[in-house]
């Protein structure tokens, strides 16, 4: 096995490249003062490694550790599922119901949907108009709009229930968290929640709304969540068991 370590062209991002058997692997270095040791994690939707460094660890030590774990890294990367791109004929989940993407080059408009959304009669379809070169972007933008609509509605309902108010809602493609809440009251969510069952998206919205009152995960925080979603543990279980699969779509 041959290793070739080289410095990334963007060192300010604290990213290094590791070559394992001729394959380039990005290693993202993160420092956590509370960490007691070096910790490796494989990215959920990219062939990259996230390496957490303890407060007193050096980058050189971190990369030496990554090299020593090359066999583990290779096996985990090889086990990653194939990415499902947004292309004509691809099947993607929308609110956990599989939809087929169909390209309509001669149609006006951007993206629209038809079919039986319950999934019981026929496969629902997402239609995409225009040049196929823009299809993937248009599908992604449309899914983000769907996510914003559903999340905004859930945030409004839970905020009113708890007597709280979010300052803003941002939709992103977060890879490590489904949602977050800033100290200024801004909520941020992954657009990929629109691919999950609606009760899962609703739980994440309630979770972040509860953080507007409690910026921790103490007993009071979970009581707030339970006020909004009494059976929130079902959503937690779904995310734990199936959440990673949402990252295989659209790359």
Foldseek 3Di string as FASTA:
>chain_A
DDKDWDQDPCCVQVWTWIADPNDTEIEGEAEDQPDPAWDWDAFLQDRYIYIYHHPPDDSVVRVVVCVVCSVVSVVVSVPHDAFQAQAAQTWAAFLQATEGEHEDAPDDDAWDWDDDVVNPPHHIYIYGYHDRVCRLVSVVVVLLVVLCVLLVVLLVVLCVLVVHDAPEEAEDQDGPDQWEADQVRYIYGYSLCSRHNSLLSSLVSQLRSLCPVPVDPDPVSVVSSCSSPVPSVVSVVCCVVPVSVSSSYHD
